[in-house]
């Protein structure tokens, strides 16, 4: 098993018989639902919200690839089916209209898959080579015309056209990151839509690319070098700032972002762990609330979510909340911003933390959904 793997909504009707869906009694299933936490009452939930879950089919125990769950009126996930033909589904990107989902297949030969959700019955449209090995992240250009993929194993970033029918088209560019062991872990588009940013864990660097929407070509514009051993993994934009999560140092660097110049400038550095934390820890995901008042980061090892208040000065550590599982690789806030769902990879569970939108505080609940080797979660809403 590769080192990084080791470290690492329709109506409430089910999808039996839907095109591309396999239903089985052995599919990832939710245990009997516990009563929802009072901090996130059922009246605040959008019943029937489609939830897409990715997991590693080649892992031990094997996951189901791309799975569909439905969030019920109590805010609890219930299994609905598995989409065939999407192996090792490790990350997602939505089309601007949320009718199409794009998935990284984190396999040695590297592919990305397009799934049509426009009719509320997932249908796989096509798959294309990702341009490298072990793709870990995918992003959609806001125009809806291009996809970008970060290939971890060989440290490359690819651009693909998106066809009018939602399928993945031809590759328009492939850039190789420098260094002896580059490992591109994330690629995303800045808020102005002018720049493409790639985070490379192995190169200890962030790369900024100018992107030509006429040709689909990437041109390197900035190579931001970080201290050796930082291991940057994911970055979250917040207007003219960005928060860069370091997997190997358990810290976040606040970056000032100049969209006119297309350049980052490092600033404040804040840790993701409690002061008395010990043992190994490898942060995985970072995200900010919709109102941009709070940031969250997952700690794999400590197995918790760190909460930060956001203000003009930067980030202020507020504390951590146990996820109720092991190795929180990914998490996602629900559309109402009243719950945070955590993909605990080693535990094989998705757990729900209730969230107070006013204070940003998280509270554990008993809600848990079983899914072996889970990697990522997203909501169709």
Protein backbone atom coordinates (compact mmCIF):
# COMPACT_ATOMS: atom_id res chain seq x y z
CA UNK A 1 0.00 0.00 0.00
CA UNK A 2 1.45 3.43 -0.92
CA UNK A 3 2.74 5.52 1.98
CA UNK A 4 0.22 8.31 1.45
CA UNK A 5 -2.69 5.88 1.46
CA UNK A 6 -1.47 4.50 4.77
CA UNK A 7 -1.23 8.03 6.14
CA UNK A 8 -3.82 8.92 4.88
CA UNK A 9 -30.01 15.04 -3.00
CA UNK A 10 -33.05 13.94 -4.75
CA UNK A 11 -36.20 12.90 -2.88
CA UNK A 12 -36.00 10.41 -0.07
CA UNK A 13 -36.60 7.66 -2.62
CA UNK A 14 -33.77 5.15 -3.01
CA UNK A 15 -31.91 4.54 -6.25
CA UNK A 16 -32.76 0.88 -6.85
CA UNK A 17 -32.94 0.36 -10.58
CA UNK A 18 -31.46 3.74 -11.48
CA UNK A 19 -28.97 3.73 -14.32
CA UNK A 20 -25.43 3.09 -13.15
CA UNK A 21 -26.47 2.22 -9.60
CA UNK A 22 -25.92 -1.07 -7.86
CA UNK A 23 -27.88 -1.76 -4.71
CA UNK A 24 -26.94 -4.52 -2.32
CA UNK A 25 -27.41 -5.46 1.28
CA UNK A 26 -23.65 -5.34 1.74
CA UNK A 27 -23.28 -1.77 0.53
CA UNK A 28 -21.93 0.78 3.02
CA UNK A 29 -24.76 1.07 5.48
CA UNK A 30 -25.71 3.33 8.31
CA UNK A 31 -26.21 1.81 11.75
CA UNK A 32 -29.49 2.43 13.56
CA UNK A 33 -29.84 6.18 13.78
CA UNK A 34 -29.29 7.81 17.14
CA UNK A 35 -31.42 10.77 18.15
CA UNK A 36 -30.08 13.95 16.55
CA UNK A 37 -28.21 16.37 18.76
CA UNK A 38 -30.49 19.16 19.97
CA UNK A 39 -28.08 21.82 18.66
CA UNK A 40 -29.08 20.88 15.10
CA UNK A 41 -32.85 20.23 15.17
CA UNK A 42 -34.61 18.43 12.36
CA UNK A 43 -36.51 21.57 11.40
CA UNK A 44 -33.21 23.06 10.20
CA UNK A 45 -32.45 20.16 7.86
CA UNK A 46 -33.26 19.81 4.18
CA UNK A 47 -34.79 16.33 4.08
CA UNK A 48 -33.84 14.19 1.09
CA UNK A 49 -30.50 15.91 0.49
CA UNK A 50 -28.38 13.75 -1.82
CA UNK A 51 -24.96 13.04 -0.35
CA UNK A 52 -22.07 11.69 -2.43
CA UNK A 53 -19.40 9.65 -0.67
CA UNK A 54 -16.06 8.51 -2.06
CA UNK A 55 -14.01 5.58 -0.79
CA UNK A 56 -11.01 3.45 -1.73
CA UNK A 57 -12.03 0.25 -3.51
CA UNK A 58 -8.45 -1.07 -3.49
CA UNK A 59 -7.94 -0.58 0.25
CA UNK A 60 -8.28 -3.15 3.01
CA UNK A 61 -11.12 -3.24 3.87
CA UNK A 62 -12.33 -2.27 0.40
CA UNK A 63 -14.58 0.73 0.01
CA UNK A 64 -17.44 1.07 -2.47
CA UNK A 65 -16.03 3.76 -4.77
CA UNK A 66 -18.79 6.32 -5.35
CA UNK A 67 -21.79 5.89 -3.06
CA UNK A 68 -25.06 7.77 -2.71
CA UNK A 69 -26.70 8.45 0.65
CA UNK A 70 -29.78 10.47 1.49
CA UNK A 71 -30.00 12.73 4.52
CA UNK A 72 -33.34 12.16 6.23
CA UNK A 73 -35.55 14.64 8.08
CA UNK A 74 -33.54 14.09 11.27
CA UNK A 75 -30.28 14.99 9.53
CA UNK A 76 -29.05 11.38 9.54
CA UNK A 77 -27.50 9.74 6.45
CA UNK A 78 -29.21 6.67 5.01
CA UNK A 79 -27.73 4.45 2.25
CA UNK A 80 -29.25 4.69 -1.22
CA UNK A 81 -26.93 2.94 -3.67
CA UNK A 82 -23.50 2.60 -5.26
CA UNK A 83 -22.50 4.03 -8.64
CA UNK A 84 -20.68 1.38 -10.66
CA UNK A 85 -17.40 2.04 -12.44
CA UNK A 86 -15.84 4.67 -10.16
CA UNK A 87 -12.85 3.04 -8.41
CA UNK A 88 -10.87 4.65 -5.58
CA UNK A 89 -13.04 7.77 -5.55
CA UNK A 90 -10.98 10.18 -3.46
CA UNK A 91 -12.12 13.73 -4.27
CA UNK A 92 -14.94 15.64 -5.96
CA UNK A 93 -15.62 18.78 -7.98
CA UNK A 94 -19.03 20.10 -9.05
CA UNK A 95 -20.00 21.81 -12.27
CA UNK A 96 -21.18 25.40 -11.68
CA UNK A 97 -24.83 24.33 -12.03
CA UNK A 98 -24.36 21.30 -9.73
CA UNK A 99 -25.70 18.95 -12.40
CA UNK A 100 -22.41 17.12 -12.94
CA UNK A 101 -19.90 15.65 -10.51
CA UNK A 102 -16.24 15.01 -11.32
CA UNK A 103 -14.28 12.41 -9.39
CA UNK A 104 -10.60 11.56 -8.99
CA UNK A 105 -9.87 7.84 -9.30
CA UNK A 106 -6.73 7.57 -7.17
CA UNK A 107 -5.28 4.57 -8.96
CA UNK A 108 -1.73 4.03 -10.30
CA UNK A 109 -2.74 4.74 -13.90
CA UNK A 110 -4.74 7.79 -12.81
CA UNK A 111 -8.18 8.61 -14.20
CA UNK A 112 -10.95 11.14 -13.62
CA UNK A 113 -14.64 10.37 -14.06
CA UNK A 114 -17.67 12.47 -15.02
CA UNK A 115 -21.06 11.66 -13.45
CA UNK A 116 -24.35 13.15 -14.68
CA UNK A 117 -26.75 14.02 -11.84
CA UNK A 118 -29.06 16.26 -13.86
CA UNK A 119 -31.93 13.75 -13.74
CA UNK A 120 -31.27 12.87 -10.08
CA UNK A 121 -30.18 9.38 -11.12
CA UNK A 122 -26.36 9.22 -11.26
CA UNK A 123 -25.04 8.12 -14.65
CA UNK A 124 -21.34 7.76 -15.44
CA UNK A 125 -20.62 9.69 -18.65
CA UNK A 126 -16.96 8.86 -19.21
CA UNK A 127 -13.49 8.64 -17.73
CA UNK A 128 -10.26 10.12 -19.00
CA UNK A 129 -6.59 9.67 -18.04
CA UNK A 130 -5.65 12.23 -15.41
CA UNK A 131 -2.24 12.73 -16.97
CA UNK A 132 -0.40 11.20 -14.03
CA UNK A 133 -0.51 8.68 -11.22
CA UNK A 134 -2.59 8.81 -8.05
CA UNK A 135 -4.81 11.87 -8.68
CA UNK A 136 -5.88 13.31 -5.33
CA UNK A 137 -7.69 16.54 -6.12
CA UNK A 138 -9.85 18.02 -8.86
CA UNK A 139 -11.27 21.50 -9.46
CA UNK A 140 -13.64 23.07 -11.96
CA UNK A 141 -12.93 26.41 -13.61
CA UNK A 142 -15.82 28.79 -12.75
CA UNK A 143 -16.59 29.09 -16.47
CA UNK A 144 -17.46 25.39 -16.45
CA UNK A 145 -15.23 24.85 -19.49
CA UNK A 146 -12.13 23.30 -17.88
CA UNK A 147 -11.13 20.82 -15.19
CA UNK A 148 -7.84 20.76 -13.29
CA UNK A 149 -6.36 17.68 -11.62
CA UNK A 150 -3.49 17.27 -9.13
CA UNK A 151 -1.61 13.99 -9.60
CA UNK A 152 0.08 13.16 -6.32
CA UNK A 153 2.46 10.35 -7.23
CA UNK A 154 4.38 12.12 -9.99
CA UNK A 155 3.77 15.74 -9.02
CA UNK A 156 1.89 16.90 -12.10
CA UNK A 157 -1.11 19.15 -12.73
CA UNK A 158 -3.37 18.56 -15.73
CA UNK A 159 -5.97 20.66 -17.52
CA UNK A 160 -8.87 19.10 -19.44
CA UNK A 161 -11.63 20.64 -21.50
CA UNK A 162 -15.20 19.93 -20.45
CA UNK A 163 -17.56 18.97 -23.23
CA UNK A 164 -21.00 20.54 -23.72
CA UNK A 165 -22.70 17.32 -22.56
CA UNK A 166 -20.76 17.37 -19.27
CA UNK A 167 -18.30 14.66 -20.22
CA UNK A 168 -14.54 15.14 -19.83
CA UNK A 169 -12.81 16.18 -23.02
CA UNK A 170 -9.26 16.34 -24.24
CA UNK A 171 -6.26 17.23 -22.11
CA UNK A 172 -5.02 20.72 -22.95
CA UNK A 173 -1.94 20.87 -20.73
CA UNK A 174 0.18 18.93 -18.26
CA UNK A 175 2.78 20.65 -16.07
CA UNK A 176 5.48 18.91 -14.05
CA UNK A 177 6.45 20.33 -10.67
CA UNK A 178 10.21 20.55 -10.01
CA UNK A 179 12.17 18.78 -7.30
CA UNK A 180 13.32 15.27 -6.47
CA UNK A 181 9.98 14.12 -5.02
CA UNK A 182 7.14 16.44 -6.01
CA UNK A 183 3.67 15.40 -4.88
CA UNK A 184 0.90 17.70 -6.09
CA UNK A 185 -1.90 17.39 -3.54
CA UNK A 186 -4.36 20.11 -4.50
CA UNK A 187 -5.29 22.37 -7.38
CA UNK A 188 -7.85 25.18 -7.31
CA UNK A 189 -8.84 28.44 -8.99
CA UNK A 190 -8.48 31.77 -7.19
CA UNK A 191 -11.59 33.89 -6.47
CA UNK A 192 -10.90 36.22 -9.42
CA UNK A 193 -10.89 33.23 -11.83
CA UNK A 194 -7.58 34.45 -13.28
CA UNK A 195 -5.13 32.15 -11.56
CA UNK A 196 -4.75 28.42 -10.96
CA UNK A 197 -3.02 27.44 -7.72
CA UNK A 198 -1.37 24.10 -7.00
CA UNK A 199 -0.20 22.92 -3.57
CA UNK A 200 2.69 20.45 -3.61
CA UNK A 201 3.40 18.48 -0.45
CA UNK A 202 6.65 16.90 -1.66
CA UNK A 203 8.14 20.07 -3.13
CA UNK A 204 7.24 22.16 -0.05
CA UNK A 205 5.80 24.76 -2.38
CA UNK A 206 2.75 26.52 -3.74
CA UNK A 207 2.67 27.21 -7.48
CA UNK A 208 0.60 29.95 -9.11
CA UNK A 209 -0.22 29.58 -12.80
CA UNK A 210 -1.69 32.01 -15.28
CA UNK A 211 -4.37 30.20 -17.27
CA UNK A 212 -5.27 30.93 -20.87
CA UNK A 213 -8.93 30.04 -21.41
CA UNK A 214 -8.48 30.20 -25.18
CA UNK A 215 -5.75 27.55 -25.36
CA UNK A 216 -6.18 25.74 -22.04
CA UNK A 217 -2.49 26.28 -21.23
CA UNK A 218 -0.92 26.87 -17.81
CA UNK A 219 2.07 29.21 -17.39
CA UNK A 220 3.96 29.26 -14.10
CA UNK A 221 3.81 32.70 -12.50
CA UNK A 222 4.96 32.20 -8.88
CA UNK A 223 6.86 29.45 -7.08
CA UNK A 224 6.35 30.07 -3.36
CA UNK A 225 8.95 28.05 -1.49
CA UNK A 226 8.19 27.00 2.09
CA UNK A 227 10.57 25.74 4.79
CA UNK A 228 11.81 22.20 4.17
CA UNK A 229 9.58 19.60 5.79
CA UNK A 230 6.46 21.79 5.84
CA UNK A 231 4.46 19.41 3.69
CA UNK A 232 1.72 21.79 2.47
CA UNK A 233 -1.43 19.81 1.65
CA UNK A 234 -4.52 21.98 1.13
CA UNK A 235 -5.30 25.68 0.87
CA UNK A 236 -8.56 27.57 1.38
CA UNK A 237 -9.12 31.01 -0.15
CA UNK A 238 -10.79 33.83 1.76
CA UNK A 239 -10.96 36.77 -0.65
CA UNK A 240 -7.49 38.40 -0.47
CA UNK A 241 -6.19 35.85 2.00
CA UNK A 242 -5.63 32.13 1.98
CA UNK A 243 -5.01 29.58 4.72
CA UNK A 244 -2.41 26.92 3.90
CA UNK A 245 -2.54 23.68 5.89
CA UNK A 246 0.76 21.84 6.49
CA UNK A 247 0.43 18.07 6.82
CA UNK A 248 3.94 17.53 8.18
CA UNK A 249 4.06 20.44 10.66
CA UNK A 250 0.49 20.58 12.01
CA UNK A 251 0.18 24.27 11.31
CA UNK A 252 -1.61 26.79 9.13
CA UNK A 253 0.16 29.64 7.36
CA UNK A 254 -1.93 32.72 6.64
CA UNK A 255 -1.07 33.95 3.15
CA UNK A 256 -1.85 37.42 1.84
CA UNK A 257 -3.09 37.10 -1.73
CA UNK A 258 -2.64 39.85 -4.32
CA UNK A 259 -4.96 38.91 -7.18
CA UNK A 260 -3.67 41.69 -9.43
CA UNK A 261 -0.07 40.53 -9.13
CA UNK A 262 -0.97 36.86 -8.73
CA UNK A 263 1.31 36.43 -5.74
CA UNK A 264 1.16 35.04 -2.20
CA UNK A 265 3.02 36.54 0.77
CA UNK A 266 3.37 34.35 3.91
CA UNK A 267 2.32 35.82 7.24
CA UNK A 268 0.99 34.43 10.53
CA UNK A 269 1.60 30.78 11.41
CA UNK A 270 -0.73 29.04 13.87
CA UNK A 271 -0.78 25.45 15.13
CA UNK A 272 -3.68 23.03 14.66
CA UNK A 273 -3.17 21.05 17.90
CA UNK A 274 -3.95 21.50 21.56
CA UNK A 275 -0.92 22.70 23.58
CA UNK A 276 -0.61 19.36 25.40
CA UNK A 277 -1.07 17.16 22.31
CA UNK A 278 1.57 14.50 21.72
CA UNK A 279 2.33 11.76 19.21
CA UNK A 280 2.21 11.87 15.44
CA UNK A 281 -0.35 14.03 13.70
CA UNK A 282 -0.99 14.73 10.02
CA UNK A 283 -3.60 17.40 9.23
CA UNK A 284 -5.65 16.69 6.12
CA UNK A 285 -8.45 19.12 5.23
CA UNK A 286 -9.14 22.81 5.75
CA UNK A 287 -12.33 24.76 5.01
CA UNK A 288 -13.98 28.02 5.99
CA UNK A 289 -17.60 28.72 6.88
CA UNK A 290 -19.81 30.42 4.31
CA UNK A 291 -19.80 33.67 6.32
CA UNK A 292 -15.96 33.55 6.42
CA UNK A 293 -15.94 33.93 10.20
CA UNK A 294 -14.52 30.50 11.07
CA UNK A 295 -11.97 28.06 9.69
CA UNK A 296 -11.77 24.33 10.41
CA UNK A 297 -8.94 21.83 10.00
CA UNK A 298 -8.87 18.07 10.54
CA UNK A 299 -6.11 16.41 12.57
CA UNK A 300 -5.29 12.81 11.65
CA UNK A 301 -3.65 11.29 14.71
CA UNK A 302 -5.28 13.54 17.29
CA UNK A 303 -8.52 12.63 15.46
CA UNK A 304 -10.26 15.94 15.97
CA UNK A 305 -11.36 19.09 14.18
CA UNK A 306 -9.59 22.33 15.09
CA UNK A 307 -11.68 25.51 15.07
CA UNK A 308 -10.30 28.99 14.36
CA UNK A 309 -11.93 32.42 14.49
CA UNK A 310 -11.16 34.61 11.49
CA UNK A 311 -10.56 38.36 11.73
CA UNK A 312 -8.40 41.01 10.09
CA UNK A 313 -5.41 39.99 12.21
CA UNK A 314 -5.56 36.39 11.02
CA UNK A 315 -6.61 33.18 12.77
CA UNK A 316 -7.26 32.59 16.47
CA UNK A 317 -7.25 29.00 17.71
CA UNK A 318 -10.54 28.20 19.50
CA UNK A 319 -9.94 24.56 20.44
CA UNK A 320 -10.61 21.09 19.06
CA UNK A 321 -13.57 18.71 18.89
CA UNK A 322 -13.20 14.89 18.71
CA UNK A 323 -14.55 13.44 15.48
CA UNK A 324 -15.67 10.17 17.08
CA UNK A 325 -13.58 8.22 14.57
CA UNK A 326 -10.03 7.57 13.40
CA UNK A 327 -8.05 9.41 10.70
CA UNK A 328 -10.36 12.26 9.59
CA UNK A 329 -9.22 12.60 5.99
CA UNK A 330 -11.97 14.92 4.83
CA UNK A 331 -15.01 16.83 6.08
CA UNK A 332 -17.77 19.00 4.69
CA UNK A 333 -20.21 21.54 6.09
CA UNK A 334 -23.81 20.89 5.12
CA UNK A 335 -25.76 23.50 3.10
CA UNK A 336 -27.40 24.89 6.25
CA UNK A 337 -24.00 25.25 7.97
CA UNK A 338 -25.47 23.56 11.06
CA UNK A 339 -23.54 20.29 10.79
CA UNK A 340 -20.04 19.22 9.85
CA UNK A 341 -19.75 15.69 8.46
CA UNK A 342 -16.37 13.99 8.92
CA UNK A 343 -14.95 11.16 6.78
CA UNK A 344 -12.93 9.03 9.22
CA UNK A 345 -10.83 6.91 6.85
CA UNK A 346 -9.44 4.27 9.21
CA UNK A 347 -12.61 3.99 11.28
CA UNK A 348 -14.68 3.58 8.12
CA UNK A 349 -17.30 6.02 9.38
CA UNK A 350 -18.84 9.37 8.60
CA UNK A 351 -19.68 11.13 11.83
CA UNK A 352 -21.69 14.30 12.34
CA UNK A 353 -20.67 17.23 14.50
CA UNK A 354 -23.42 19.74 15.29
CA UNK A 355 -22.39 23.32 14.57
CA UNK A 356 -23.51 26.61 16.07
CA UNK A 357 -23.44 29.06 13.14
CA UNK A 358 -23.14 32.04 15.47
CA UNK A 359 -20.16 30.90 17.52
CA UNK A 360 -18.68 28.35 15.12
CA UNK A 361 -18.55 25.83 17.97
CA UNK A 362 -18.77 22.11 17.16
CA UNK A 363 -20.43 19.47 19.34
CA UNK A 364 -20.14 15.68 18.91
CA UNK A 365 -23.31 13.71 18.17
CA UNK A 366 -24.03 9.99 18.10
CA UNK A 367 -24.79 10.05 14.36
CA UNK A 368 -22.47 7.71 12.46
CA UNK A 369 -22.65 6.20 8.97
CA UNK A 370 -20.57 3.14 8.11
CA UNK A 371 -18.43 3.24 4.96
CA UNK A 372 -15.10 1.35 4.82
CA UNK A 373 -12.00 3.29 3.72
CA UNK A 374 -13.99 6.48 3.24
CA UNK A 375 -12.10 9.33 1.56
CA UNK A 376 -14.44 12.26 0.83
CA UNK A 377 -17.98 13.58 1.16
CA UNK A 378 -19.97 16.25 -0.66
CA UNK A 379 -23.58 17.42 -0.90
CA UNK A 380 -25.78 17.89 -3.96
CA UNK A 381 -27.34 21.08 -2.77
